[in-house]
Amino acid sequence: MIPSDTTLTKDGLQATGKGRILLLACGALAREIIDLKTANGWDHMDLTCLPAIFHIHPKKIPGAVRAAVEKHRDSYDDIFVVYADCGTGGILQSTCAELGVEMVEGPHCYSFFEGNDRFAEISETEFTAFYLTDFLVRQFDAFIWKPMGLDRHPELIDMYFGNYEKLIYQAQIDDQALTEKAQACADRLGLAFERRFTGYGDLESTLAKLRE
């Protein structure tokens, strides 16, 4: 996992200079962004990540984004916030607008991995679905099982997940071990399982539009 407030460049150093873009991202997206940077040769982009645990504490996101933008903005031509709304109720969008920086469109990462237009179409019929990404499959215990107290009180599974019917694993990469782990997560929650290969969805197309 990428430590919080760590800026990564090709040489592992924080870079300054004209033409550079800082990607200010959720730590849960670090691996995917690094893979995209490497695959596409986006050497003009640096990456700094806020703690992935904000995934379950969304009220902390806007303030942390503000602090990071103010810290780094003098070193970059542009800063792009790699968060969707992520449960902030529009506050993150307002914060970004006030700071003069752009962010990823969409309500959450499940939407932009699926593709926001596609997710909007299917969400009306998938309201009983529980979603996992590659990151959340890897970190299922740390981000779902333990924070919800299911390690101590498994009887709470029915209370939390009784209205869900299936677990949809949105796979960013083809990895049999991750698929098997996602299936095991569904079994633990008593849900039907569906694997859906989304790749990077709108995350990739959005970052591709950022120019030097």
N, C-alpha and C. Protein backbone atom coordinates (compact mmCIF):
# COMPACT_ATOMS: atom_id res chain seq x y z
N MET A 1 0.85 -1.19 0.00
CA MET A 1 0.00 0.00 0.00
C MET A 1 0.88 1.24 0.00
N ILE A 2 0.50 2.27 -0.75
CA ILE A 2 1.27 3.51 -0.79
C ILE A 2 1.01 4.29 0.48
N PRO A 3 2.06 4.71 1.21
CA PRO A 3 1.85 5.50 2.41
C PRO A 3 1.14 6.80 2.10
N SER A 4 0.45 7.34 3.11
CA SER A 4 -0.24 8.60 2.90
C SER A 4 0.78 9.72 2.68
N ASP A 5 0.36 10.71 1.89
CA ASP A 5 1.15 11.90 1.61
C ASP A 5 2.52 11.56 1.03
N THR A 6 2.58 10.57 0.15
CA THR A 6 3.82 10.20 -0.50
C THR A 6 3.71 10.51 -1.98
N THR A 7 4.63 11.31 -2.49
CA THR A 7 4.61 11.67 -3.89
C THR A 7 5.57 10.78 -4.65
N LEU A 8 5.09 10.14 -5.70
CA LEU A 8 5.90 9.21 -6.47
C LEU A 8 6.18 9.78 -7.85
N THR A 9 7.43 9.71 -8.23
CA THR A 9 7.82 10.05 -9.59
C THR A 9 8.60 8.88 -10.14
N LYS A 10 9.10 9.03 -11.35
CA LYS A 10 9.86 7.96 -11.98
C LYS A 10 11.04 7.53 -11.11
N ASP A 11 11.67 8.51 -10.42
CA ASP A 11 12.83 8.22 -9.60
C ASP A 11 12.50 8.10 -8.12
N GLY A 12 11.22 8.11 -7.78
CA GLY A 12 10.82 8.00 -6.40
C GLY A 12 10.96 9.29 -5.62
N LEU A 13 11.09 10.42 -6.32
CA LEU A 13 11.27 11.70 -5.67
C LEU A 13 10.14 12.64 -6.01
N GLN A 14 9.94 13.65 -5.17
CA GLN A 14 8.96 14.68 -5.50
C GLN A 14 9.56 15.62 -6.54
N ALA A 15 8.83 15.85 -7.60
CA ALA A 15 9.35 16.68 -8.68
C ALA A 15 8.63 18.01 -8.73
N THR A 16 9.37 19.01 -9.20
CA THR A 16 8.75 20.30 -9.46
C THR A 16 9.08 20.68 -10.90
N GLY A 17 8.39 21.69 -11.40
CA GLY A 17 8.71 22.14 -12.74
C GLY A 17 7.48 22.29 -13.60
N LYS A 18 7.67 22.98 -14.71
CA LYS A 18 6.57 23.26 -15.61
C LYS A 18 6.11 22.00 -16.34
N GLY A 19 4.82 21.97 -16.62
CA GLY A 19 4.27 20.86 -17.38
C GLY A 19 3.93 19.64 -16.56
N ARG A 20 4.15 19.70 -15.26
CA ARG A 20 3.89 18.53 -14.43
C ARG A 20 2.50 18.62 -13.80
N ILE A 21 1.87 17.46 -13.68
CA ILE A 21 0.55 17.35 -13.07
C ILE A 21 0.66 16.46 -11.85
N LEU A 22 0.08 16.88 -10.76
CA LEU A 22 0.01 16.05 -9.57
C LEU A 22 -1.35 15.38 -9.50
N LEU A 23 -1.34 14.07 -9.41
CA LEU A 23 -2.56 13.32 -9.18
C LEU A 23 -2.71 13.13 -7.68
N LEU A 24 -3.73 13.74 -7.11
CA LEU A 24 -4.00 13.64 -5.68
C LEU A 24 -5.11 12.61 -5.52
N ALA A 25 -4.76 11.42 -5.05
CA ALA A 25 -5.66 10.28 -5.18
C ALA A 25 -5.96 9.59 -3.86
N CYS A 26 -7.05 8.86 -3.89
CA CYS A 26 -7.37 7.92 -2.82
C CYS A 26 -6.34 6.79 -2.85
N GLY A 27 -5.83 6.43 -1.68
CA GLY A 27 -4.85 5.35 -1.61
C GLY A 27 -5.35 4.03 -2.15
N ALA A 28 -6.67 3.86 -2.19
CA ALA A 28 -7.25 2.63 -2.73
C ALA A 28 -7.08 2.53 -4.24
N LEU A 29 -6.66 3.63 -4.87
CA LEU A 29 -6.48 3.64 -6.33
C LEU A 29 -5.01 3.67 -6.72
N ALA A 30 -4.12 3.62 -5.75
CA ALA A 30 -2.69 3.80 -6.04
C ALA A 30 -2.16 2.78 -7.03
N ARG A 31 -2.44 1.51 -6.80
CA ARG A 31 -1.91 0.47 -7.69
C ARG A 31 -2.41 0.65 -9.11
N GLU A 32 -3.70 0.95 -9.25
CA GLU A 32 -4.28 1.12 -10.58
C GLU A 32 -3.67 2.32 -11.31
N ILE A 33 -3.48 3.42 -10.59
CA ILE A 33 -2.92 4.62 -11.22
C ILE A 33 -1.47 4.38 -11.62
N ILE A 34 -0.70 3.73 -10.77
CA ILE A 34 0.69 3.42 -11.11
C ILE A 34 0.75 2.52 -12.34
N ASP A 35 -0.14 1.53 -12.41
CA ASP A 35 -0.18 0.65 -13.58
C ASP A 35 -0.51 1.44 -14.85
N LEU A 36 -1.46 2.35 -14.75
CA LEU A 36 -1.84 3.15 -15.91
C LEU A 36 -0.71 4.10 -16.32
N LYS A 37 -0.06 4.71 -15.35
CA LYS A 37 1.07 5.59 -15.66
C LYS A 37 2.16 4.84 -16.39
N THR A 38 2.46 3.64 -15.90
CA THR A 38 3.52 2.84 -16.50
C THR A 38 3.14 2.39 -17.91
N ALA A 39 1.92 1.90 -18.06
CA ALA A 39 1.48 1.36 -19.35
C ALA A 39 1.40 2.44 -20.42
N ASN A 40 1.06 3.66 -20.02
CA ASN A 40 0.85 4.72 -21.00
C ASN A 40 1.99 5.73 -21.09
N GLY A 41 3.01 5.54 -20.27
CA GLY A 41 4.14 6.46 -20.32
C GLY A 41 3.80 7.87 -19.87
N TRP A 42 2.91 7.97 -18.88
CA TRP A 42 2.51 9.29 -18.39
C TRP A 42 3.54 9.82 -17.40
N ASP A 43 4.73 10.12 -17.89
CA ASP A 43 5.82 10.54 -17.03
C ASP A 43 5.66 11.98 -16.52
N HIS A 44 4.72 12.71 -17.11
CA HIS A 44 4.49 14.08 -16.65
C HIS A 44 3.57 14.13 -15.44
N MET A 45 3.09 12.97 -15.01
CA MET A 45 2.19 12.90 -13.87
C MET A 45 2.92 12.33 -12.65
N ASP A 46 2.77 12.99 -11.52
CA ASP A 46 3.23 12.45 -10.24
C ASP A 46 2.01 12.05 -9.43
N LEU A 47 2.24 11.23 -8.43
CA LEU A 47 1.13 10.71 -7.64
C LEU A 47 1.38 10.90 -6.15
N THR A 48 0.40 11.44 -5.46
CA THR A 48 0.42 11.47 -4.01
C THR A 48 -0.92 10.95 -3.52
N CYS A 49 -0.90 10.13 -2.49
CA CYS A 49 -2.12 9.45 -2.04
C CYS A 49 -2.50 9.83 -0.62
N LEU A 50 -3.79 10.03 -0.43
CA LEU A 50 -4.34 10.16 0.91
C LEU A 50 -4.69 8.77 1.43
N PRO A 51 -4.82 8.62 2.74
CA PRO A 51 -5.04 7.28 3.31
C PRO A 51 -6.27 6.59 2.72
N ALA A 52 -6.09 5.35 2.32
CA ALA A 52 -7.19 4.58 1.75
C ALA A 52 -8.31 4.37 2.75
N ILE A 53 -8.00 4.42 4.03
CA ILE A 53 -9.01 4.17 5.06
C ILE A 53 -10.10 5.25 5.05
N PHE A 54 -9.83 6.39 4.38
CA PHE A 54 -10.88 7.40 4.24
C PHE A 54 -12.08 6.85 3.47
N HIS A 55 -11.87 5.71 2.80
CA HIS A 55 -12.98 5.02 2.12
C HIS A 55 -14.15 4.79 3.07
N ILE A 56 -13.83 4.53 4.34
CA ILE A 56 -14.90 4.30 5.31
C ILE A 56 -15.08 5.49 6.26
N HIS A 57 -14.36 6.58 5.99
CA HIS A 57 -14.52 7.82 6.77
C HIS A 57 -14.60 9.00 5.79
N PRO A 58 -15.62 9.04 4.94
CA PRO A 58 -15.65 10.05 3.86
C PRO A 58 -15.67 11.49 4.33
N LYS A 59 -16.10 11.75 5.57
CA LYS A 59 -16.12 13.13 6.05
C LYS A 59 -14.73 13.73 6.14
N LYS A 60 -13.72 12.86 6.19
CA LYS A 60 -12.34 13.34 6.29
C LYS A 60 -11.75 13.73 4.94
N ILE A 61 -12.41 13.32 3.85
CA ILE A 61 -11.81 13.51 2.53
C ILE A 61 -11.68 14.97 2.13
N PRO A 62 -12.74 15.79 2.20
CA PRO A 62 -12.61 17.17 1.71
C PRO A 62 -11.51 17.96 2.41
N GLY A 63 -11.43 17.87 3.72
CA GLY A 63 -10.41 18.60 4.45
C GLY A 63 -9.01 18.14 4.10
N ALA A 64 -8.85 16.83 3.95
CA ALA A 64 -7.54 16.28 3.60
C ALA A 64 -7.14 16.70 2.18
N VAL A 65 -8.10 16.72 1.26
CA VAL A 65 -7.83 17.17 -0.10
C VAL A 65 -7.42 18.64 -0.09
N ARG A 66 -8.14 19.44 0.66
CA ARG A 66 -7.80 20.87 0.73
C ARG A 66 -6.37 21.07 1.23
N ALA A 67 -6.02 20.38 2.29
CA ALA A 67 -4.68 20.54 2.86
C ALA A 67 -3.61 20.11 1.87
N ALA A 68 -3.86 19.02 1.15
CA ALA A 68 -2.87 18.51 0.20
C ALA A 68 -2.72 19.44 -1.01
N VAL A 69 -3.83 19.97 -1.50
CA VAL A 69 -3.77 20.90 -2.62
C VAL A 69 -2.98 22.14 -2.22
N GLU A 70 -3.27 22.68 -1.05
CA GLU A 70 -2.57 23.88 -0.60
C GLU A 70 -1.09 23.61 -0.38
N LYS A 71 -0.75 22.41 0.03
CA LYS A 71 0.65 22.04 0.25
C LYS A 71 1.43 21.95 -1.05
N HIS A 72 0.82 21.39 -2.09
CA HIS A 72 1.56 21.04 -3.30
C HIS A 72 1.35 21.98 -4.48
N ARG A 73 0.39 22.88 -4.41
CA ARG A 73 0.00 23.58 -5.63
C ARG A 73 1.10 24.46 -6.20
N ASP A 74 1.99 24.99 -5.40
CA ASP A 74 3.06 25.84 -5.93
C ASP A 74 4.12 25.06 -6.69
N SER A 75 4.12 23.75 -6.56
CA SER A 75 5.13 22.92 -7.21
C SER A 75 4.68 22.34 -8.54
N TYR A 76 3.39 22.56 -8.90
CA TYR A 76 2.84 21.92 -10.10
C TYR A 76 2.04 22.91 -10.92
N ASP A 77 2.01 22.65 -12.22
CA ASP A 77 1.16 23.44 -13.10
C ASP A 77 -0.31 23.15 -12.85
N ASP A 78 -0.59 21.90 -12.47
CA ASP A 78 -1.98 21.51 -12.28
C ASP A 78 -2.05 20.39 -11.26
N ILE A 79 -3.16 20.33 -10.55
CA ILE A 79 -3.44 19.23 -9.62
C ILE A 79 -4.79 18.65 -10.01
N PHE A 80 -4.84 17.35 -10.13
CA PHE A 80 -6.10 16.68 -10.45
C PHE A 80 -6.44 15.72 -9.32
N VAL A 81 -7.66 15.83 -8.82
CA VAL A 81 -8.10 15.04 -7.67
C VAL A 81 -8.73 13.74 -8.16
N VAL A 82 -8.10 12.63 -7.81
CA VAL A 82 -8.59 11.32 -8.27
C VAL A 82 -9.46 10.70 -7.18
N TYR A 83 -10.56 11.38 -6.95
CA TYR A 83 -11.67 10.91 -6.13
C TYR A 83 -12.94 11.19 -6.91
N ALA A 84 -13.95 10.35 -6.74
CA ALA A 84 -15.31 10.72 -7.12
C ALA A 84 -15.94 11.37 -5.87
N ASP A 85 -17.24 11.48 -5.81
CA ASP A 85 -17.86 12.08 -4.62
C ASP A 85 -17.56 11.25 -3.37
N CYS A 86 -17.61 9.94 -3.51
CA CYS A 86 -17.16 9.02 -2.45
C CYS A 86 -17.83 9.25 -1.10
N GLY A 87 -19.12 9.56 -1.14
CA GLY A 87 -19.87 9.67 0.11
C GLY A 87 -19.77 11.01 0.81
N THR A 88 -19.22 12.03 0.14
CA THR A 88 -19.07 13.33 0.79
C THR A 88 -20.30 14.22 0.60
N GLY A 89 -21.29 13.74 -0.11
CA GLY A 89 -22.52 14.50 -0.28
C GLY A 89 -22.34 15.81 -1.03
N GLY A 90 -21.42 15.82 -1.98
CA GLY A 90 -21.19 17.02 -2.77
C GLY A 90 -20.17 17.98 -2.18
N ILE A 91 -19.73 17.72 -0.96
CA ILE A 91 -18.79 18.65 -0.30
C ILE A 91 -17.44 18.63 -1.00
N LEU A 92 -17.00 17.44 -1.45
CA LEU A 92 -15.71 17.38 -2.13
C LEU A 92 -15.75 18.18 -3.42
N GLN A 93 -16.84 18.08 -4.17
CA GLN A 93 -16.97 18.84 -5.41
C GLN A 93 -16.91 20.34 -5.12
N SER A 94 -17.59 20.79 -4.08
CA SER A 94 -17.57 22.20 -3.72
C SER A 94 -16.17 22.64 -3.31
N THR A 95 -15.47 21.77 -2.58
CA THR A 95 -14.11 22.07 -2.15
C THR A 95 -13.19 22.21 -3.35
N CYS A 96 -13.30 21.28 -4.29
CA CYS A 96 -12.45 21.34 -5.48
C CYS A 96 -12.75 22.58 -6.31
N ALA A 97 -14.02 22.91 -6.42
CA ALA A 97 -14.39 24.11 -7.18
C ALA A 97 -13.80 25.36 -6.52
N GLU A 98 -13.86 25.41 -5.22
CA GLU A 98 -13.31 26.56 -4.49
C GLU A 98 -11.79 26.65 -4.68
N LEU A 99 -11.12 25.49 -4.72
CA LEU A 99 -9.68 25.45 -4.88
C LEU A 99 -9.23 25.60 -6.33
N GLY A 100 -10.18 25.50 -7.26
CA GLY A 100 -9.85 25.62 -8.67
C GLY A 100 -9.18 24.39 -9.25
N VAL A 101 -9.53 23.21 -8.73
CA VAL A 101 -8.97 21.97 -9.26
C VAL A 101 -10.12 21.07 -9.71
N GLU A 102 -9.83 20.19 -10.66
CA GLU A 102 -10.84 19.28 -11.16
C GLU A 102 -10.73 17.92 -10.47
N MET A 103 -11.78 17.12 -10.60
CA MET A 103 -11.82 15.80 -9.98
C MET A 103 -12.52 14.82 -10.92
N VAL A 104 -12.44 13.55 -10.59
CA VAL A 104 -13.09 12.51 -11.38
C VAL A 104 -14.60 12.65 -11.25
N GLU A 105 -15.30 12.48 -12.34
CA GLU A 105 -16.76 12.52 -12.30
C GLU A 105 -17.32 11.21 -11.77
N GLY A 106 -18.49 11.30 -11.14
CA GLY A 106 -19.18 10.10 -10.68
C GLY A 106 -19.41 10.08 -9.19
N PRO A 107 -20.30 9.22 -8.73
CA PRO A 107 -20.63 9.15 -7.31
C PRO A 107 -19.58 8.40 -6.49
N HIS A 108 -18.89 7.43 -7.10
CA HIS A 108 -17.94 6.60 -6.36
C HIS A 108 -17.11 5.80 -7.35
N CYS A 109 -16.13 5.07 -6.83
CA CYS A 109 -15.23 4.34 -7.72
C CYS A 109 -15.93 3.18 -8.43
N TYR A 110 -16.95 2.60 -7.81
CA TYR A 110 -17.67 1.51 -8.48
C TYR A 110 -18.30 2.02 -9.78
N SER A 111 -18.74 3.27 -9.74
CA SER A 111 -19.36 3.86 -10.92
C SER A 111 -18.34 4.15 -12.01
N PHE A 112 -17.22 4.78 -11.64
CA PHE A 112 -16.29 5.12 -12.73
C PHE A 112 -15.50 3.92 -13.22
N PHE A 113 -15.34 2.87 -12.41
CA PHE A 113 -14.74 1.65 -12.94
C PHE A 113 -15.70 0.97 -13.92
N GLU A 114 -16.97 0.97 -13.60
CA GLU A 114 -17.96 0.40 -14.51
C GLU A 114 -18.11 1.27 -15.76
N GLY A 115 -17.87 2.55 -15.58
CA GLY A 115 -18.19 3.56 -16.59
C GLY A 115 -19.43 4.28 -16.10
N ASN A 116 -19.35 5.57 -15.85
CA ASN A 116 -20.45 6.28 -15.21
C ASN A 116 -21.77 6.15 -15.96
N ASP A 117 -21.73 6.24 -17.29
CA ASP A 117 -22.96 6.12 -18.06
C ASP A 117 -23.56 4.72 -17.90
N ARG A 118 -22.71 3.72 -18.00
CA ARG A 118 -23.18 2.34 -17.86
C ARG A 118 -23.71 2.09 -16.45
N PHE A 119 -23.01 2.58 -15.44
CA PHE A 119 -23.45 2.35 -14.06
C PHE A 119 -24.80 3.00 -13.81
N ALA A 120 -25.01 4.18 -14.38
CA ALA A 120 -26.30 4.85 -14.21
C ALA A 120 -27.43 4.02 -14.81
N GLU A 121 -27.13 3.32 -15.90
CA GLU A 121 -28.15 2.50 -16.56
C GLU A 121 -28.52 1.27 -15.73
N ILE A 122 -27.52 0.65 -15.13
CA ILE A 122 -27.77 -0.63 -14.45
C ILE A 122 -28.08 -0.49 -12.97
N SER A 123 -27.82 0.69 -12.40
CA SER A 123 -27.98 0.84 -10.95
C SER A 123 -29.41 0.62 -10.48
N GLU A 124 -30.39 0.92 -11.35
CA GLU A 124 -31.78 0.74 -10.97
C GLU A 124 -32.15 -0.72 -10.80
N THR A 125 -31.40 -1.60 -11.44
CA THR A 125 -31.69 -3.02 -11.34
C THR A 125 -30.69 -3.76 -10.46
N GLU A 126 -29.68 -3.03 -9.95
CA GLU A 126 -28.66 -3.67 -9.13
C GLU A 126 -28.60 -3.06 -7.73
N PHE A 127 -29.72 -2.58 -7.25
CA PHE A 127 -29.72 -1.96 -5.93
C PHE A 127 -29.56 -2.97 -4.80
N THR A 128 -29.63 -4.27 -5.12
CA THR A 128 -29.39 -5.29 -4.10
C THR A 128 -28.00 -5.91 -4.27
N ALA A 129 -27.12 -5.22 -5.00
CA ALA A 129 -25.77 -5.72 -5.24
C ALA A 129 -24.77 -5.02 -4.32
N PHE A 130 -23.81 -5.79 -3.85
CA PHE A 130 -22.70 -5.27 -3.05
C PHE A 130 -21.45 -5.38 -3.91
N TYR A 131 -20.71 -4.27 -4.06
CA TYR A 131 -19.60 -4.23 -5.00
C TYR A 131 -18.25 -4.33 -4.30
N LEU A 132 -17.34 -5.01 -4.96
CA LEU A 132 -15.94 -5.02 -4.55
C LEU A 132 -15.07 -4.73 -5.76
N THR A 133 -14.01 -3.97 -5.55
CA THR A 133 -12.98 -3.74 -6.56
C THR A 133 -11.78 -4.63 -6.23
N ASP A 134 -10.76 -4.58 -7.08
CA ASP A 134 -9.54 -5.34 -6.78
C ASP A 134 -9.00 -4.98 -5.40
N PHE A 135 -8.94 -3.69 -5.12
CA PHE A 135 -8.41 -3.24 -3.83
C PHE A 135 -9.23 -3.81 -2.67
N LEU A 136 -10.54 -3.73 -2.77
CA LEU A 136 -11.37 -4.18 -1.66
C LEU A 136 -11.38 -5.70 -1.52
N VAL A 137 -11.13 -6.42 -2.59
CA VAL A 137 -10.96 -7.87 -2.46
C VAL A 137 -9.68 -8.15 -1.67
N ARG A 138 -8.61 -7.47 -2.05
CA ARG A 138 -7.34 -7.66 -1.34
C ARG A 138 -7.45 -7.26 0.13
N GLN A 139 -8.19 -6.21 0.40
CA GLN A 139 -8.27 -5.65 1.75
C GLN A 139 -9.63 -5.90 2.41
N PHE A 140 -10.26 -7.00 2.06
CA PHE A 140 -11.61 -7.27 2.54
C PHE A 140 -11.69 -7.29 4.06
N ASP A 141 -10.77 -7.96 4.69
CA ASP A 141 -10.80 -8.04 6.14
C ASP A 141 -10.58 -6.67 6.78
N ALA A 142 -9.61 -5.91 6.27
CA ALA A 142 -9.25 -4.64 6.88
C ALA A 142 -10.29 -3.55 6.65
N PHE A 143 -11.00 -3.61 5.51
CA PHE A 143 -11.90 -2.51 5.17
C PHE A 143 -13.38 -2.87 5.33
N ILE A 144 -13.70 -4.14 5.44
CA ILE A 144 -15.10 -4.53 5.55
C ILE A 144 -15.34 -5.44 6.75
N TRP A 145 -14.68 -6.57 6.78
CA TRP A 145 -14.97 -7.58 7.79
C TRP A 145 -14.73 -7.06 9.21
N LYS A 146 -13.55 -6.51 9.47
CA LYS A 146 -13.22 -6.05 10.82
C LYS A 146 -13.90 -4.73 11.19
N PRO A 147 -13.89 -3.69 10.32
CA PRO A 147 -14.57 -2.45 10.69
C PRO A 147 -16.06 -2.62 10.99
N MET A 148 -16.69 -3.59 10.35
CA MET A 148 -18.11 -3.83 10.60
C MET A 148 -18.33 -4.76 11.80
N GLY A 149 -17.24 -5.21 12.40
CA GLY A 149 -17.34 -6.06 13.58
C GLY A 149 -17.71 -7.49 13.30
N LEU A 150 -17.62 -7.91 12.03
CA LEU A 150 -18.05 -9.26 11.67
C LEU A 150 -17.06 -10.32 12.14
N ASP A 151 -15.81 -9.91 12.43
CA ASP A 151 -14.84 -10.85 12.98
C ASP A 151 -15.19 -11.23 14.41
N ARG A 152 -15.86 -10.31 15.10
CA ARG A 152 -16.25 -10.55 16.50
C ARG A 152 -17.70 -10.98 16.64
N HIS A 153 -18.53 -10.52 15.71
CA HIS A 153 -19.96 -10.81 15.80
C HIS A 153 -20.49 -11.22 14.42
N PRO A 154 -20.17 -12.41 13.98
CA PRO A 154 -20.64 -12.85 12.65
C PRO A 154 -22.15 -12.90 12.52
N GLU A 155 -22.84 -12.90 13.64
CA GLU A 155 -24.30 -12.90 13.59
C GLU A 155 -24.84 -11.60 12.99
N LEU A 156 -23.99 -10.58 12.89
CA LEU A 156 -24.42 -9.31 12.31
C LEU A 156 -24.49 -9.34 10.79
N ILE A 157 -24.00 -10.42 10.18
CA ILE A 157 -24.02 -10.51 8.71
C ILE A 157 -25.43 -10.33 8.18
N ASP A 158 -26.39 -10.99 8.79
CA ASP A 158 -27.77 -10.88 8.31
C ASP A 158 -28.30 -9.46 8.46
N MET A 159 -27.89 -8.77 9.52
CA MET A 159 -28.35 -7.40 9.73
C MET A 159 -27.80 -6.47 8.66
N TYR A 160 -26.52 -6.62 8.36
CA TYR A 160 -25.88 -5.73 7.39
C TYR A 160 -26.17 -6.10 5.94
N PHE A 161 -26.25 -7.38 5.67
CA PHE A 161 -26.30 -7.83 4.28
C PHE A 161 -27.58 -8.59 3.92
N GLY A 162 -28.54 -8.59 4.81
CA GLY A 162 -29.77 -9.33 4.57
C GLY A 162 -30.56 -8.86 3.37
N ASN A 163 -30.40 -7.58 3.01
CA ASN A 163 -31.14 -7.04 1.87
C ASN A 163 -30.37 -7.10 0.56
N TYR A 164 -29.12 -7.58 0.63
CA TYR A 164 -28.34 -7.78 -0.58
C TYR A 164 -28.58 -9.18 -1.14
N GLU A 165 -28.47 -9.31 -2.44
CA GLU A 165 -28.67 -10.61 -3.08
C GLU A 165 -27.39 -11.17 -3.68
N LYS A 166 -26.51 -10.29 -4.16
CA LYS A 166 -25.29 -10.79 -4.78
C LYS A 166 -24.13 -9.84 -4.55
N LEU A 167 -22.94 -10.39 -4.64
CA LEU A 167 -21.71 -9.61 -4.60
C LEU A 167 -21.18 -9.53 -6.03
N ILE A 168 -20.96 -8.32 -6.51
CA ILE A 168 -20.40 -8.12 -7.84
C ILE A 168 -18.95 -7.70 -7.69
N TYR A 169 -18.07 -8.51 -8.20
CA TYR A 169 -16.65 -8.20 -8.19
C TYR A 169 -16.29 -7.50 -9.48
N GLN A 170 -15.97 -6.22 -9.39
CA GLN A 170 -15.54 -5.44 -10.56
C GLN A 170 -14.02 -5.61 -10.70
N ALA A 171 -13.61 -6.48 -11.58
CA ALA A 171 -12.20 -6.81 -11.73
C ALA A 171 -11.49 -5.78 -12.61
N GLN A 172 -10.42 -5.20 -12.09
CA GLN A 172 -9.62 -4.29 -12.90
C GLN A 172 -8.58 -5.06 -13.72
N ILE A 173 -8.12 -6.20 -13.20
CA ILE A 173 -7.15 -7.02 -13.91
C ILE A 173 -7.64 -8.47 -13.90
N ASP A 174 -7.10 -9.26 -14.81
CA ASP A 174 -7.41 -10.69 -14.83
C ASP A 174 -6.45 -11.40 -13.88
N ASP A 175 -6.97 -11.86 -12.76
CA ASP A 175 -6.14 -12.51 -11.76
C ASP A 175 -6.99 -13.60 -11.11
N GLN A 176 -6.65 -14.84 -11.37
CA GLN A 176 -7.45 -15.95 -10.87
C GLN A 176 -7.49 -15.99 -9.35
N ALA A 177 -6.37 -15.66 -8.71
CA ALA A 177 -6.33 -15.67 -7.25
C ALA A 177 -7.27 -14.63 -6.66
N LEU A 178 -7.33 -13.45 -7.29
CA LEU A 178 -8.26 -12.43 -6.82
C LEU A 178 -9.71 -12.86 -7.03
N THR A 179 -9.98 -13.48 -8.15
CA THR A 179 -11.34 -13.97 -8.42
C THR A 179 -11.75 -14.99 -7.38
N GLU A 180 -10.85 -15.90 -7.05
CA GLU A 180 -11.15 -16.91 -6.04
C GLU A 180 -11.37 -16.27 -4.67
N LYS A 181 -10.58 -15.25 -4.36
CA LYS A 181 -10.77 -14.58 -3.09
C LYS A 181 -12.09 -13.82 -3.06
N ALA A 182 -12.46 -13.20 -4.18
CA ALA A 182 -13.74 -12.50 -4.26
C ALA A 182 -14.90 -13.47 -4.07
N GLN A 183 -14.79 -14.65 -4.67
CA GLN A 183 -15.80 -15.69 -4.49
C GLN A 183 -15.91 -16.07 -3.02
N ALA A 184 -14.76 -16.19 -2.35
CA ALA A 184 -14.76 -16.53 -0.92
C ALA A 184 -15.41 -15.42 -0.10
N CYS A 185 -15.20 -14.17 -0.49
CA CYS A 185 -15.85 -13.05 0.20
C CYS A 185 -17.37 -13.16 0.07
N ALA A 186 -17.84 -13.46 -1.13
CA ALA A 186 -19.28 -13.63 -1.33
C ALA A 186 -19.82 -14.77 -0.48
N ASP A 187 -19.08 -15.86 -0.41
CA ASP A 187 -19.51 -17.00 0.40
C ASP A 187 -19.59 -16.61 1.88
N ARG A 188 -18.63 -15.85 2.35
CA ARG A 188 -18.63 -15.44 3.75
C ARG A 188 -19.83 -14.56 4.07
N LEU A 189 -20.27 -13.78 3.09
CA LEU A 189 -21.41 -12.90 3.31
C LEU A 189 -22.73 -13.56 2.96
N GLY A 190 -22.68 -14.78 2.45
CA GLY A 190 -23.90 -15.48 2.08
C GLY A 190 -24.58 -14.92 0.85
N LEU A 191 -23.78 -14.40 -0.09
CA LEU A 191 -24.33 -13.76 -1.29
C LEU A 191 -23.96 -14.55 -2.54
N ALA A 192 -24.79 -14.44 -3.55
CA ALA A 192 -24.44 -14.97 -4.86
C ALA A 192 -23.25 -14.18 -5.40
N PHE A 193 -22.54 -14.75 -6.35
CA PHE A 193 -21.31 -14.13 -6.83
C PHE A 193 -21.36 -13.87 -8.32
N GLU A 194 -20.90 -12.68 -8.70
CA GLU A 194 -20.74 -12.35 -10.13
C GLU A 194 -19.43 -11.62 -10.31
N ARG A 195 -18.64 -12.08 -11.25
CA ARG A 195 -17.41 -11.37 -11.61
C ARG A 195 -17.66 -10.60 -12.89
N ARG A 196 -17.30 -9.34 -12.88
CA ARG A 196 -17.49 -8.48 -14.04
C ARG A 196 -16.17 -7.77 -14.34
N PHE A 197 -15.57 -8.08 -15.46
CA PHE A 197 -14.32 -7.43 -15.81
C PHE A 197 -14.60 -6.03 -16.33
N THR A 198 -14.19 -5.02 -15.58
CA THR A 198 -14.42 -3.63 -15.97
C THR A 198 -13.16 -2.97 -16.50
N GLY A 199 -11.99 -3.56 -16.19
CA GLY A 199 -10.77 -2.83 -16.46
C GLY A 199 -10.75 -1.56 -15.62
N TYR A 200 -10.19 -0.49 -16.19
CA TYR A 200 -10.06 0.75 -15.43
C TYR A 200 -11.18 1.74 -15.73
N GLY A 201 -12.05 1.39 -16.66
CA GLY A 201 -13.23 2.20 -16.92
C GLY A 201 -12.92 3.66 -17.21
N ASP A 202 -13.72 4.54 -16.61
CA ASP A 202 -13.56 5.98 -16.82
C ASP A 202 -12.32 6.54 -16.15
N LEU A 203 -11.72 5.79 -15.24
CA LEU A 203 -10.48 6.26 -14.63
C LEU A 203 -9.40 6.43 -15.71
N GLU A 204 -9.27 5.43 -16.57
CA GLU A 204 -8.25 5.50 -17.61
C GLU A 204 -8.55 6.60 -18.61
N SER A 205 -9.78 6.67 -19.09
CA SER A 205 -10.10 7.69 -20.09
C SER A 205 -10.01 9.09 -19.53
N THR A 206 -10.31 9.26 -18.25
CA THR A 206 -10.20 10.57 -17.61
C THR A 206 -8.74 11.01 -17.51
N LEU A 207 -7.88 10.13 -17.03
CA LEU A 207 -6.47 10.48 -16.88
C LEU A 207 -5.82 10.69 -18.25
N ALA A 208 -6.29 9.97 -19.25
CA ALA A 208 -5.71 10.11 -20.59
C ALA A 208 -5.95 11.50 -21.17
N LYS A 209 -6.95 12.19 -20.68
CA LYS A 209 -7.26 13.54 -21.18
C LYS A 209 -6.37 14.61 -20.57
N LEU A 210 -5.64 14.26 -19.52
CA LEU A 210 -4.76 15.23 -18.87
C LEU A 210 -3.49 15.35 -19.70
N ARG A 211 -3.18 16.53 -20.15
CA ARG A 211 -2.06 16.75 -21.05
C ARG A 211 -0.92 17.45 -20.35
N GLU A 212 0.27 17.23 -20.91
CA GLU A 212 1.44 17.92 -20.38
C GLU A 212 1.31 19.43 -20.63
